[in-house]
Amino acid sequence: MRPRRLRESAALRRLVSETRLDPADLVLPIFVREGSSEPIPISSMPGVVQHSLDSVKGAVADAAAAGVGGVMLFGVPEVRDAEGSGATDPEGILNVATRIVREEAGDALVVQTDLCLDEFTDHGHCGVLDPLGRVDNDATLGRYREMALVQAASGSQLLGLSGMMDGQVAAVREALDDAGFAHTAILAYSAKYASAFYGPFRDAVESTLEGDRRTYQLDPGNRREGLREAMIDIEEGADIVMVKPAGSYLDVLADVSAASDIPVWAYQVSGEYAMIEAAAMHGWIDRRRAVIESVRGIRRAGADAVLTYWATELAGWIRKGEAA
């Protein structure tokens, strides 16, 4: 047996490749900052910025031109409160940005929105708090229902439920259907782990969080629980399920992919991005090869699509034939 025969040339290796990358399988996360007149660099994520309402148009146009499948919008408000009021204000930054991006994108890509309160609360948690300072699951579901209706009315085509509240998919699906938004799809962040790799993201959204989110995000040591959460979300009506982070949870991703009869996505989070960028800046790794290999590994483990901050750049490499 000589398996090396199929590695003899670039053309042959390409022909027998088991896992291919396509721009349509990539989603670009985008941050939009209220009150900003120009893009603001995020120091812990080299090359990523907080966009203004004007500059986000160019980022979306570039993503569409590269063939990227979608964009996921996150809002960074100027004012926050305990209830996260800005999340349900039709004139709040995320909802305004959604209308602008929908107009800019047309049908070129799927406009998606983060449905969570953490960017909008002054305490930084993903839900409202009870009198003892604990995240109140059921009270938060009410806020998520309100958010869903405002985001759908603003033009979001896919709502990214990232808060990890029990019953969030069922609650949002019911609210959407009752209000005439049966066509609006739900992406459930089903297996979202309490990870150290979210650090740079918290810089990006200027998080006010004190403490942690371990009472609602998954314990990093639990594999079966990730699959259980995904199956619950599928039963509640999710259209797509998500594993997050991607790189450290490829086993969970593979489990969910094998069991799911709906699309399975994964989020290559800010810390994964920052580590590769930092190592490349020091000359320790080949940046392009590391980016491609990391995303290909996520796809190989079973992700049908990948949220990655390299989406537009990687899509350009793929289209040029430079991602082999």
C-alpha atoms as a PDB file:
ATOM      1  CA  MET A   1       0.000   0.000   0.000  1.00  0.00           C
ATOM      2  CA  ARG A   2       1.321   3.439  -0.935  1.00  0.00           C
ATOM      3  CA  PRO A   3      -1.045   6.170   0.291  1.00  0.00           C
ATOM      4  CA  ARG A   4       1.575   8.728  -0.776  1.00  0.00           C
ATOM      5  CA  ARG A   5       0.559   8.241  -4.401  1.00  0.00           C
ATOM      6  CA  LEU A   6      -2.439  10.515  -3.803  1.00  0.00           C
ATOM      7  CA  ARG A   7      -0.182  13.271  -2.444  1.00  0.00           C
ATOM      8  CA  GLU A   8       2.160  13.375  -5.424  1.00  0.00           C
ATOM      9  CA  SER A   9       1.078  16.760  -6.833  1.00  0.00           C
ATOM     10  CA  ALA A  10      -0.941  19.802  -5.805  1.00  0.00           C
ATOM     11  CA  ALA A  11      -3.575  18.995  -8.424  1.00  0.00           C
ATOM     12  CA  LEU A  12      -3.958  15.430  -7.170  1.00  0.00           C
ATOM     13  CA  ARG A  13      -4.088  16.499  -3.539  1.00  0.00           C
ATOM     14  CA  ARG A  14      -6.790  19.002  -4.453  1.00  0.00           C
ATOM     15  CA  LEU A  15      -8.770  16.385  -6.366  1.00  0.00           C
ATOM     16  CA  VAL A  16      -8.909  13.950  -3.426  1.00  0.00           C
ATOM     17  CA  SER A  17      -9.328  16.522  -0.660  1.00  0.00           C
ATOM     18  CA  GLU A  18     -12.011  15.413   1.808  1.00  0.00           C
ATOM     19  CA  THR A  19     -12.731  18.859   3.262  1.00  0.00           C
ATOM     20  CA  ARG A  20     -13.088  21.909   1.048  1.00  0.00           C
ATOM     21  CA  LEU A  21     -13.553  25.533   2.011  1.00  0.00           C
ATOM     22  CA  ASP A  22     -16.108  27.701   0.268  1.00  0.00           C
ATOM     23  CA  PRO A  23     -16.807  31.417   0.857  1.00  0.00           C
ATOM     24  CA  ALA A  24     -20.510  30.671   1.241  1.00  0.00           C
ATOM     25  CA  ASP A  25     -19.725  28.600   4.346  1.00  0.00           C
ATOM     26  CA  LEU A  26     -18.230  31.593   6.182  1.00  0.00           C
ATOM     27  CA  VAL A  27     -19.960  34.190   8.371  1.00  0.00           C
ATOM     28  CA  LEU A  28     -18.273  37.464   9.348  1.00  0.00           C
ATOM     29  CA  PRO A  29     -18.945  38.844  12.864  1.00  0.00           C
ATOM     30  CA  ILE A  30     -19.147  42.663  12.794  1.00  0.00           C
ATOM     31  CA  PHE A  31     -19.162  45.142  15.684  1.00  0.00           C
ATOM     32  CA  VAL A  32     -21.004  48.466  15.276  1.00  0.00           C
ATOM     33  CA  ARG A  33     -20.386  51.200  17.846  1.00  0.00           C
ATOM     34  CA  GLU A  34     -22.946  53.843  18.679  1.00  0.00           C
ATOM     35  CA  GLY A  35     -21.751  57.436  18.298  1.00  0.00           C
ATOM     36  CA  SER A  36     -18.651  56.540  16.316  1.00  0.00           C
ATOM     37  CA  SER A  37     -17.863  58.523  13.174  1.00  0.00           C
ATOM     38  CA  GLU A  38     -15.063  56.227  12.010  1.00  0.00           C
ATOM     39  CA  PRO A  39     -13.781  52.691  12.589  1.00  0.00           C
ATOM     40  CA  ILE A  40     -12.085  52.168  15.963  1.00  0.00           C
ATOM     41  CA  PRO A  41      -9.368  49.467  16.116  1.00  0.00           C
ATOM     42  CA  ILE A  42      -9.739  46.765  18.768  1.00  0.00           C
ATOM     43  CA  SER A  43      -6.303  46.427  20.340  1.00  0.00           C
ATOM     44  CA  SER A  44      -6.639  42.760  21.322  1.00  0.00           C
ATOM     45  CA  MET A  45      -7.919  41.775  17.861  1.00  0.00           C
ATOM     46  CA  PRO A  46      -5.471  43.166  15.282  1.00  0.00           C
ATOM     47  CA  GLY A  47      -7.261  43.954  12.034  1.00  0.00           C
ATOM     48  CA  VAL A  48     -10.749  44.005  13.606  1.00  0.00           C
ATOM     49  CA  VAL A  49     -12.575  47.262  14.361  1.00  0.00           C
ATOM     50  CA  GLN A  50     -15.699  48.680  15.904  1.00  0.00           C
ATOM     51  CA  HIS A  51     -17.477  50.068  12.848  1.00  0.00           C
ATOM     52  CA  SER A  52     -19.457  53.242  12.537  1.00  0.00           C
ATOM     53  CA  LEU A  53     -22.860  53.185  10.881  1.00  0.00           C
ATOM     54  CA  ASP A  54     -21.146  54.483   7.769  1.00  0.00           C
ATOM     55  CA  SER A  55     -18.069  52.229   7.676  1.00  0.00           C
ATOM     56  CA  VAL A  56     -20.130  49.089   8.272  1.00  0.00           C
ATOM     57  CA  LYS A  57     -21.568  49.523   4.788  1.00  0.00           C
ATOM     58  CA  GLY A  58     -18.129  49.049   3.251  1.00  0.00           C
ATOM     59  CA  ALA A  59     -17.402  45.992   5.387  1.00  0.00           C
ATOM     60  CA  VAL A  60     -20.659  44.385   4.294  1.00  0.00           C
ATOM     61  CA  ALA A  61     -20.062  45.267   0.649  1.00  0.00           C
ATOM     62  CA  ASP A  62     -16.583  43.720   0.813  1.00  0.00           C
ATOM     63  CA  ALA A  63     -17.952  40.558   2.421  1.00  0.00           C
ATOM     64  CA  ALA A  64     -20.661  40.255  -0.216  1.00  0.00           C
ATOM     65  CA  ALA A  65     -18.179  40.803  -3.045  1.00  0.00           C
ATOM     66  CA  ALA A  66     -15.979  38.040  -1.621  1.00  0.00           C
ATOM     67  CA  GLY A  67     -18.923  35.629  -1.573  1.00  0.00           C
ATOM     68  CA  VAL A  68     -19.184  35.387   2.219  1.00  0.00           C
ATOM     69  CA  GLY A  69     -22.395  33.670   3.285  1.00  0.00           C
ATOM     70  CA  GLY A  70     -23.478  36.077   5.987  1.00  0.00           C
ATOM     71  CA  VAL A  71     -22.646  38.700   8.589  1.00  0.00           C
ATOM     72  CA  MET A  72     -23.425  38.545  12.320  1.00  0.00           C
ATOM     73  CA  LEU A  73     -24.000  41.977  13.856  1.00  0.00           C
ATOM     74  CA  PHE A  74     -23.146  43.008  17.419  1.00  0.00           C
ATOM     75  CA  GLY A  75     -24.051  46.416  18.827  1.00  0.00           C
ATOM     76  CA  VAL A  76     -21.899  48.490  21.176  1.00  0.00           C
ATOM     77  CA  PRO A  77     -24.163  51.083  22.854  1.00  0.00           C
ATOM     78  CA  GLU A  78     -23.150  54.332  24.520  1.00  0.00           C
ATOM     79  CA  VAL A  79     -25.561  53.909  27.453  1.00  0.00           C
ATOM     80  CA  ARG A  80     -26.403  50.721  29.354  1.00  0.00           C
ATOM     81  CA  ASP A  81     -28.815  49.890  32.163  1.00  0.00           C
ATOM     82  CA  ALA A  82     -29.871  46.924  34.269  1.00  0.00           C
ATOM     83  CA  GLU A  83     -32.594  45.825  31.843  1.00  0.00           C
ATOM     84  CA  GLY A  84     -30.553  46.304  28.678  1.00  0.00           C
ATOM     85  CA  SER A  85     -33.140  48.753  27.346  1.00  0.00           C
ATOM     86  CA  GLY A  86     -31.080  49.604  24.280  1.00  0.00           C
ATOM     87  CA  ALA A  87     -31.550  46.065  22.983  1.00  0.00           C
ATOM     88  CA  THR A  88     -35.281  46.574  22.442  1.00  0.00           C
ATOM     89  CA  ASP A  89     -35.180  50.212  21.362  1.00  0.00           C
ATOM     90  CA  PRO A  90     -35.936  50.342  17.622  1.00  0.00           C
ATOM     91  CA  GLU A  91     -33.470  53.246  17.495  1.00  0.00           C
ATOM     92  CA  GLY A  92     -30.825  51.354  19.468  1.00  0.00           C
ATOM     93  CA  ILE A  93     -27.513  50.801  17.745  1.00  0.00           C
ATOM     94  CA  LEU A  94     -27.996  47.146  16.828  1.00  0.00           C
ATOM     95  CA  ASN A  95     -31.441  47.649  15.337  1.00  0.00           C
ATOM     96  CA  VAL A  96     -30.419  50.756  13.406  1.00  0.00           C
ATOM     97  CA  ALA A  97     -27.348  48.943  12.112  1.00  0.00           C
ATOM     98  CA  THR A  98     -29.497  46.001  11.054  1.00  0.00           C
ATOM     99  CA  ARG A  99     -31.707  48.200   8.889  1.00  0.00           C
ATOM    100  CA  ILE A 100     -28.681  49.844   7.299  1.00  0.00           C
ATOM    101  CA  VAL A 101     -26.914  46.540   6.635  1.00  0.00           C
ATOM    102  CA  ARG A 102     -30.039  44.922   5.222  1.00  0.00           C
ATOM    103  CA  GLU A 103     -30.370  47.780   2.745  1.00  0.00           C
ATOM    104  CA  GLU A 104     -26.690  47.563   1.824  1.00  0.00           C
ATOM    105  CA  ALA A 105     -26.604  43.765   1.521  1.00  0.00           C
ATOM    106  CA  GLY A 106     -29.829  43.160  -0.341  1.00  0.00           C
ATOM    107  CA  ASP A 107     -29.954  39.460  -1.138  1.00  0.00           C
ATOM    108  CA  ALA A 108     -26.167  39.076  -1.464  1.00  0.00           C
ATOM    109  CA  LEU A 109     -25.732  37.540   1.989  1.00  0.00           C
ATOM    110  CA  VAL A 110     -27.691  36.670   5.128  1.00  0.00           C
ATOM    111  CA  VAL A 111     -27.965  39.447   7.714  1.00  0.00           C
ATOM    112  CA  GLN A 112     -27.838  37.981  11.213  1.00  0.00           C
ATOM    113  CA  THR A 113     -28.063  39.583  14.646  1.00  0.00           C
ATOM    114  CA  ASP A 114     -26.840  38.650  18.096  1.00  0.00           C
ATOM    115  CA  LEU A 115     -29.807  38.199  20.411  1.00  0.00           C
ATOM    116  CA  CYS A 116     -28.375  38.619  23.891  1.00  0.00           C
ATOM    117  CA  LEU A 117     -28.423  41.299  26.570  1.00  0.00           C
ATOM    118  CA  ASP A 118     -24.773  41.292  27.621  1.00  0.00           C
ATOM    119  CA  GLU A 119     -23.741  44.177  25.349  1.00  0.00           C
ATOM    120  CA  PHE A 120     -26.621  46.292  26.671  1.00  0.00           C
ATOM    121  CA  THR A 121     -26.673  45.669  30.436  1.00  0.00           C
ATOM    122  CA  ASP A 122     -24.650  47.725  32.894  1.00  0.00           C
ATOM    123  CA  HIS A 123     -23.764  44.550  34.812  1.00  0.00           C
ATOM    124  CA  GLY A 124     -22.609  42.727  31.665  1.00  0.00           C
ATOM    125  CA  HIS A 125     -24.644  39.563  32.136  1.00  0.00           C
ATOM    126  CA  CYS A 126     -26.671  37.938  29.369  1.00  0.00           C
ATOM    127  CA  GLY A 127     -29.942  38.386  31.260  1.00  0.00           C
ATOM    128  CA  VAL A 128     -31.725  40.458  33.871  1.00  0.00           C
ATOM    129  CA  LEU A 129     -30.866  39.966  37.526  1.00  0.00           C
ATOM    130  CA  ASP A 130     -33.106  39.019  40.444  1.00  0.00           C
ATOM    131  CA  PRO A 131     -32.940  40.836  43.830  1.00  0.00           C
ATOM    132  CA  LEU A 132     -30.093  38.556  44.922  1.00  0.00           C
ATOM    133  CA  GLY A 133     -27.992  39.400  41.848  1.00  0.00           C
ATOM    134  CA  ARG A 134     -28.554  36.084  40.095  1.00  0.00           C
ATOM    135  CA  VAL A 135     -29.482  35.843  36.421  1.00  0.00           C
ATOM    136  CA  ASP A 136     -33.249  35.332  36.312  1.00  0.00           C
ATOM    137  CA  ASN A 137     -33.844  32.771  33.565  1.00  0.00           C
ATOM    138  CA  ASP A 138     -37.576  33.272  33.014  1.00  0.00           C
ATOM    139  CA  ALA A 139     -37.566  37.058  33.315  1.00  0.00           C
ATOM    140  CA  THR A 140     -34.774  37.075  30.747  1.00  0.00           C
ATOM    141  CA  LEU A 141     -36.893  35.032  28.349  1.00  0.00           C
ATOM    142  CA  GLY A 142     -39.396  37.867  28.327  1.00  0.00           C
ATOM    143  CA  ARG A 143     -36.690  40.302  27.297  1.00  0.00           C
ATOM    144  CA  TYR A 144     -35.498  37.889  24.591  1.00  0.00           C
ATOM    145  CA  ARG A 145     -39.009  37.726  23.165  1.00  0.00           C
ATOM    146  CA  GLU A 146     -39.064  41.524  22.932  1.00  0.00           C
ATOM    147  CA  MET A 147     -35.620  41.597  21.344  1.00  0.00           C
ATOM    148  CA  ALA A 148     -36.624  39.007  18.777  1.00  0.00           C
ATOM    149  CA  LEU A 149     -39.583  41.049  17.579  1.00  0.00           C
ATOM    150  CA  VAL A 150     -37.576  44.268  17.262  1.00  0.00           C
ATOM    151  CA  GLN A 151     -34.709  42.537  15.461  1.00  0.00           C
ATOM    152  CA  ALA A 152     -37.047  40.756  13.075  1.00  0.00           C
ATOM    153  CA  ALA A 153     -38.893  43.994  12.356  1.00  0.00           C
ATOM    154  CA  SER A 154     -35.533  45.663  11.687  1.00  0.00           C
ATOM    155  CA  GLY A 155     -34.786  43.112   8.975  1.00  0.00           C
ATOM    156  CA  SER A 156     -32.686  40.427  10.659  1.00  0.00           C
ATOM    157  CA  GLN A 157     -33.045  37.183   8.754  1.00  0.00           C
ATOM    158  CA  LEU A 158     -31.426  34.957  11.370  1.00  0.00           C
ATOM    159  CA  LEU A 159     -31.492  35.575  15.115  1.00  0.00           C
ATOM    160  CA  GLY A 160     -28.428  34.327  16.994  1.00  0.00           C
ATOM    161  CA  LEU A 161     -29.643  33.283  20.440  1.00  0.00           C
ATOM    162  CA  SER A 162     -26.411  33.365  22.413  1.00  0.00           C
ATOM    163  CA  GLY A 163     -27.590  33.922  25.991  1.00  0.00           C
ATOM    164  CA  MET A 164     -27.787  30.252  27.085  1.00  0.00           C
ATOM    165  CA  MET A 165     -31.058  30.620  28.979  1.00  0.00           C
ATOM    166  CA  ASP A 166     -33.118  27.447  29.363  1.00  0.00           C
ATOM    167  CA  GLY A 167     -36.112  27.522  27.013  1.00  0.00           C
ATOM    168  CA  GLN A 168     -34.880  30.471  24.951  1.00  0.00           C
ATOM    169  CA  VAL A 169     -35.482  28.838  21.572  1.00  0.00           C
ATOM    170  CA  ALA A 170     -39.062  27.849  22.363  1.00  0.00           C
ATOM    171  CA  ALA A 171     -39.819  31.283  23.803  1.00  0.00           C
ATOM    172  CA  VAL A 172     -38.434  33.193  20.836  1.00  0.00           C
ATOM    173  CA  ARG A 173     -39.976  30.846  18.263  1.00  0.00           C
ATOM    174  CA  GLU A 174     -43.405  31.290  19.823  1.00  0.00           C
ATOM    175  CA  ALA A 175     -43.042  35.071  19.947  1.00  0.00           C
ATOM    176  CA  LEU A 176     -41.938  35.263  16.320  1.00  0.00           C
ATOM    177  CA  ASP A 177     -44.711  33.006  15.069  1.00  0.00           C
ATOM    178  CA  ASP A 178     -47.412  34.823  17.037  1.00  0.00           C
ATOM    179  CA  ALA A 179     -46.257  38.187  15.649  1.00  0.00           C
ATOM    180  CA  GLY A 180     -46.196  37.099  12.016  1.00  0.00           C
ATOM    181  CA  PHE A 181     -42.450  36.472  11.745  1.00  0.00           C
ATOM    182  CA  ALA A 182     -42.666  32.760  11.002  1.00  0.00           C
ATOM    183  CA  HIS A 183     -40.111  33.263   8.201  1.00  0.00           C
ATOM    184  CA  THR A 184     -37.411  34.542  10.583  1.00  0.00           C
ATOM    185  CA  ALA A 185     -34.908  31.781  11.370  1.00  0.00           C
ATOM    186  CA  ILE A 186     -33.239  30.932  14.686  1.00  0.00           C
ATOM    187  CA  LEU A 187     -29.587  30.086  15.221  1.00  0.00           C
ATOM    188  CA  ALA A 188     -29.250  28.550  18.679  1.00  0.00           C
ATOM    189  CA  TYR A 189     -25.893  28.928  20.403  1.00  0.00           C
ATOM    190  CA  SER A 190     -26.562  25.522  21.920  1.00  0.00           C
ATOM    191  CA  ALA A 191     -23.202  24.317  23.225  1.00  0.00           C
ATOM    192  CA  LYS A 192     -21.698  27.613  24.379  1.00  0.00           C
ATOM    193  CA  TYR A 193     -18.960  27.020  26.908  1.00  0.00           C
ATOM    194  CA  ALA A 194     -17.693  29.251  29.719  1.00  0.00           C
ATOM    195  CA  SER A 195     -14.404  29.805  27.940  1.00  0.00           C
ATOM    196  CA  ALA A 196     -11.275  31.858  28.549  1.00  0.00           C
ATOM    197  CA  PHE A 197     -11.101  32.456  24.802  1.00  0.00           C
ATOM    198  CA  TYR A 198     -13.793  35.170  24.895  1.00  0.00           C
ATOM    199  CA  GLY A 199     -11.428  37.755  26.377  1.00  0.00           C
ATOM    200  CA  PRO A 200     -10.817  39.910  23.285  1.00  0.00           C
ATOM    201  CA  PHE A 201     -14.547  39.853  22.430  1.00  0.00           C
ATOM    202  CA  ARG A 202     -15.240  41.557  25.733  1.00  0.00           C
ATOM    203  CA  ASP A 203     -12.866  44.307  24.656  1.00  0.00           C
ATOM    204  CA  ALA A 204     -14.715  44.530  21.349  1.00  0.00           C
ATOM    205  CA  VAL A 205     -18.118  45.096  22.964  1.00  0.00           C
ATOM    206  CA  GLU A 206     -16.664  47.043  25.925  1.00  0.00           C
ATOM    207  CA  SER A 207     -18.153  44.541  28.355  1.00  0.00           C
ATOM    208  CA  THR A 208     -18.929  45.682  31.889  1.00  0.00           C
ATOM    209  CA  LEU A 209     -19.048  42.126  33.248  1.00  0.00           C
ATOM    210  CA  GLU A 210     -17.768  41.449  36.740  1.00  0.00           C
ATOM    211  CA  GLY A 211     -17.520  37.826  37.750  1.00  0.00           C
ATOM    212  CA  ASP A 212     -18.302  35.086  35.247  1.00  0.00           C
ATOM    213  CA  ARG A 213     -21.113  33.331  33.396  1.00  0.00           C
ATOM    214  CA  ARG A 214     -20.591  29.828  34.732  1.00  0.00           C
ATOM    215  CA  THR A 215     -24.182  29.517  36.010  1.00  0.00           C
ATOM    216  CA  TYR A 216     -25.513  29.516  32.451  1.00  0.00           C
ATOM    217  CA  GLN A 217     -22.677  28.749  30.037  1.00  0.00           C
ATOM    218  CA  LEU A 218     -21.406  25.154  29.892  1.00  0.00           C
ATOM    219  CA  ASP A 219     -18.584  23.725  31.974  1.00  0.00           C
ATOM    220  CA  PRO A 220     -15.544  23.212  29.679  1.00  0.00           C
ATOM    221  CA  GLY A 221     -15.142  19.667  30.984  1.00  0.00           C
ATOM    222  CA  ASN A 222     -18.562  18.481  29.841  1.00  0.00           C
ATOM    223  CA  ARG A 223     -18.849  16.786  26.458  1.00  0.00           C
ATOM    224  CA  ARG A 224     -22.202  14.984  26.709  1.00  0.00           C
ATOM    225  CA  GLU A 225     -23.910  18.096  28.012  1.00  0.00           C
ATOM    226  CA  GLY A 226     -23.047  19.956  24.822  1.00  0.00           C
ATOM    227  CA  LEU A 227     -24.876  17.357  22.746  1.00  0.00           C
ATOM    228  CA  ARG A 228     -27.807  17.372  25.175  1.00  0.00           C
ATOM    229  CA  GLU A 229     -28.192  21.152  24.871  1.00  0.00           C
ATOM    230  CA  ALA A 230     -28.165  20.939  21.076  1.00  0.00           C
ATOM    231  CA  MET A 231     -30.824  18.231  21.049  1.00  0.00           C
ATOM    232  CA  ILE A 232     -33.051  20.296  23.341  1.00  0.00           C
ATOM    233  CA  ASP A 233     -32.739  23.310  21.044  1.00  0.00           C
ATOM    234  CA  ILE A 234     -33.584  21.209  18.005  1.00  0.00           C
ATOM    235  CA  GLU A 235     -36.712  19.924  19.771  1.00  0.00           C
ATOM    236  CA  GLU A 236     -37.684  23.512  20.637  1.00  0.00           C
ATOM    237  CA  GLY A 237     -37.560  24.589  17.002  1.00  0.00           C
ATOM    238  CA  ALA A 238     -34.060  25.850  16.257  1.00  0.00           C
ATOM    239  CA  ASP A 239     -33.224  26.058  12.556  1.00  0.00           C
ATOM    240  CA  ILE A 240     -29.449  25.868  13.130  1.00  0.00           C
ATOM    241  CA  VAL A 241     -27.419  24.899  16.208  1.00  0.00           C
ATOM    242  CA  MET A 242     -24.018  26.221  17.217  1.00  0.00           C
ATOM    243  CA  VAL A 243     -20.937  25.051  19.103  1.00  0.00           C
ATOM    244  CA  LYS A 244     -18.809  27.824  20.624  1.00  0.00           C
ATOM    245  CA  PRO A 245     -15.827  28.116  20.855  1.00  0.00           C
ATOM    246  CA  ALA A 246     -14.797  25.963  17.937  1.00  0.00           C
ATOM    247  CA  GLY A 247     -11.135  24.975  18.236  1.00  0.00           C
ATOM    248  CA  SER A 248     -11.161  23.625  21.801  1.00  0.00           C
ATOM    249  CA  TYR A 249     -14.480  21.810  21.352  1.00  0.00           C
ATOM    250  CA  LEU A 250     -14.050  19.869  18.130  1.00  0.00           C
ATOM    251  CA  ASP A 251     -15.168  16.692  19.912  1.00  0.00           C
ATOM    252  CA  VAL A 252     -18.457  18.322  20.885  1.00  0.00           C
ATOM    253  CA  LEU A 253     -18.821  19.688  17.360  1.00  0.00           C
ATOM    254  CA  ALA A 254     -18.328  16.210  15.911  1.00  0.00           C
ATOM    255  CA  ASP A 255     -20.886  14.758  18.343  1.00  0.00           C
ATOM    256  CA  VAL A 256     -23.513  17.363  17.489  1.00  0.00           C
ATOM    257  CA  SER A 257     -22.850  17.062  13.759  1.00  0.00           C
ATOM    258  CA  ALA A 258     -23.304  13.294  13.876  1.00  0.00           C
ATOM    259  CA  ALA A 259     -26.601  13.527  15.758  1.00  0.00           C
ATOM    260  CA  SER A 260     -28.208  16.613  14.199  1.00  0.00           C
ATOM    261  CA  ASP A 261     -30.596  16.610  11.257  1.00  0.00           C
ATOM    262  CA  ILE A 262     -30.340  20.406  10.918  1.00  0.00           C
ATOM    263  CA  PRO A 263     -27.287  22.542  10.052  1.00  0.00           C
ATOM    264  CA  VAL A 264     -24.517  22.751  12.637  1.00  0.00           C
ATOM    265  CA  TRP A 265     -22.298  25.828  12.833  1.00  0.00           C
ATOM    266  CA  ALA A 266     -19.274  26.738  14.929  1.00  0.00           C
ATOM    267  CA  TYR A 267     -17.856  30.066  16.101  1.00  0.00           C
ATOM    268  CA  GLN A 268     -14.095  30.577  15.853  1.00  0.00           C
ATOM    269  CA  VAL A 269     -13.982  33.056  18.715  1.00  0.00           C
ATOM    270  CA  SER A 270     -11.925  36.151  19.431  1.00  0.00           C
ATOM    271  CA  GLY A 271      -9.268  34.387  21.478  1.00  0.00           C
ATOM    272  CA  GLU A 272      -8.649  31.850  18.734  1.00  0.00           C
ATOM    273  CA  TYR A 273      -8.269  34.714  16.292  1.00  0.00           C
ATOM    274  CA  ALA A 274      -5.996  36.732  18.588  1.00  0.00           C
ATOM    275  CA  MET A 275      -3.635  33.837  19.287  1.00  0.00           C
ATOM    276  CA  ILE A 276      -2.948  33.175  15.633  1.00  0.00           C
ATOM    277  CA  GLU A 277      -2.551  36.881  14.868  1.00  0.00           C
ATOM    278  CA  ALA A 278      -0.156  37.356  17.782  1.00  0.00           C
ATOM    279  CA  ALA A 279       1.972  34.340  16.884  1.00  0.00           C
ATOM    280  CA  ALA A 280       2.088  35.417  13.248  1.00  0.00           C
ATOM    281  CA  MET A 281       3.126  38.956  14.200  1.00  0.00           C
ATOM    282  CA  HIS A 282       6.118  37.460  16.023  1.00  0.00           C
ATOM    283  CA  GLY A 283       7.005  35.339  13.008  1.00  0.00           C
ATOM    284  CA  TRP A 284       6.391  32.127  14.899  1.00  0.00           C
ATOM    285  CA  ILE A 285       3.867  30.668  12.442  1.00  0.00           C
ATOM    286  CA  ASP A 286       2.840  31.143   8.823  1.00  0.00           C
ATOM    287  CA  ARG A 287      -0.284  33.290   9.190  1.00  0.00           C
ATOM    288  CA  ARG A 288      -2.121  32.255   6.043  1.00  0.00           C
ATOM    289  CA  ARG A 289      -1.474  28.551   6.505  1.00  0.00           C
ATOM    290  CA  ALA A 290      -2.523  28.730  10.163  1.00  0.00           C
ATOM    291  CA  VAL A 291      -5.759  30.562   9.337  1.00  0.00           C
ATOM    292  CA  ILE A 292      -6.675  28.092   6.614  1.00  0.00           C
ATOM    293  CA  GLU A 293      -5.755  25.050   8.689  1.00  0.00           C
ATOM    294  CA  SER A 294      -7.719  26.255  11.710  1.00  0.00           C
ATOM    295  CA  VAL A 295     -10.911  26.854   9.717  1.00  0.00           C
ATOM    296  CA  ARG A 296     -10.497  23.658   7.717  1.00  0.00           C
ATOM    297  CA  GLY A 297     -10.180  21.723  10.985  1.00  0.00           C
ATOM    298  CA  ILE A 298     -13.472  23.151  12.201  1.00  0.00           C
ATOM    299  CA  ARG A 299     -15.174  22.199   8.936  1.00  0.00           C
ATOM    300  CA  ARG A 300     -13.584  18.728   9.066  1.00  0.00           C
ATOM    301  CA  ALA A 301     -15.013  18.169  12.552  1.00  0.00           C
ATOM    302  CA  GLY A 302     -18.505  18.706  11.184  1.00  0.00           C
ATOM    303  CA  ALA A 303     -19.332  22.412  10.982  1.00  0.00           C
ATOM    304  CA  ASP A 304     -21.518  23.277   8.008  1.00  0.00           C
ATOM    305  CA  ALA A 305     -20.520  26.931   8.393  1.00  0.00           C
ATOM    306  CA  VAL A 306     -17.975  28.835  10.477  1.00  0.00           C
ATOM    307  CA  LEU A 307     -18.217  32.253  12.073  1.00  0.00           C
ATOM    308  CA  THR A 308     -14.726  33.703  11.799  1.00  0.00           C
ATOM    309  CA  TYR A 309     -13.190  37.165  11.851  1.00  0.00           C
ATOM    310  CA  TRP A 310     -11.142  36.129   8.817  1.00  0.00           C
ATOM    311  CA  ALA A 311     -14.260  35.421   6.727  1.00  0.00           C
ATOM    312  CA  THR A 312     -13.770  38.111   4.072  1.00  0.00           C
ATOM    313  CA  GLU A 313     -10.016  37.674   3.814  1.00  0.00           C
ATOM    314  CA  LEU A 314     -10.251  33.892   3.724  1.00  0.00           C
ATOM    315  CA  ALA A 315     -13.017  34.049   1.117  1.00  0.00           C
ATOM    316  CA  GLY A 316     -10.689  36.122  -1.053  1.00  0.00           C
ATOM    317  CA  TRP A 317      -7.941  33.515  -0.779  1.00  0.00           C
ATOM    318  CA  ILE A 318     -10.383  30.756  -1.671  1.00  0.00           C
ATOM    319  CA  ARG A 319     -11.637  32.588  -4.755  1.00  0.00           C
ATOM    320  CA  LYS A 320      -8.058  33.155  -5.893  1.00  0.00           C
ATOM    321  CA  GLY A 321      -7.153  29.512  -5.393  1.00  0.00           C
ATOM    322  CA  GLU A 322      -4.779  30.408  -2.566  1.00  0.00           C
ATOM    323  CA  ALA A 323      -6.422  28.354   0.199  1.00  0.00           C
ATOM    324  CA  ALA A 324      -5.214  24.874  -0.735  1.00  0.00           C
END
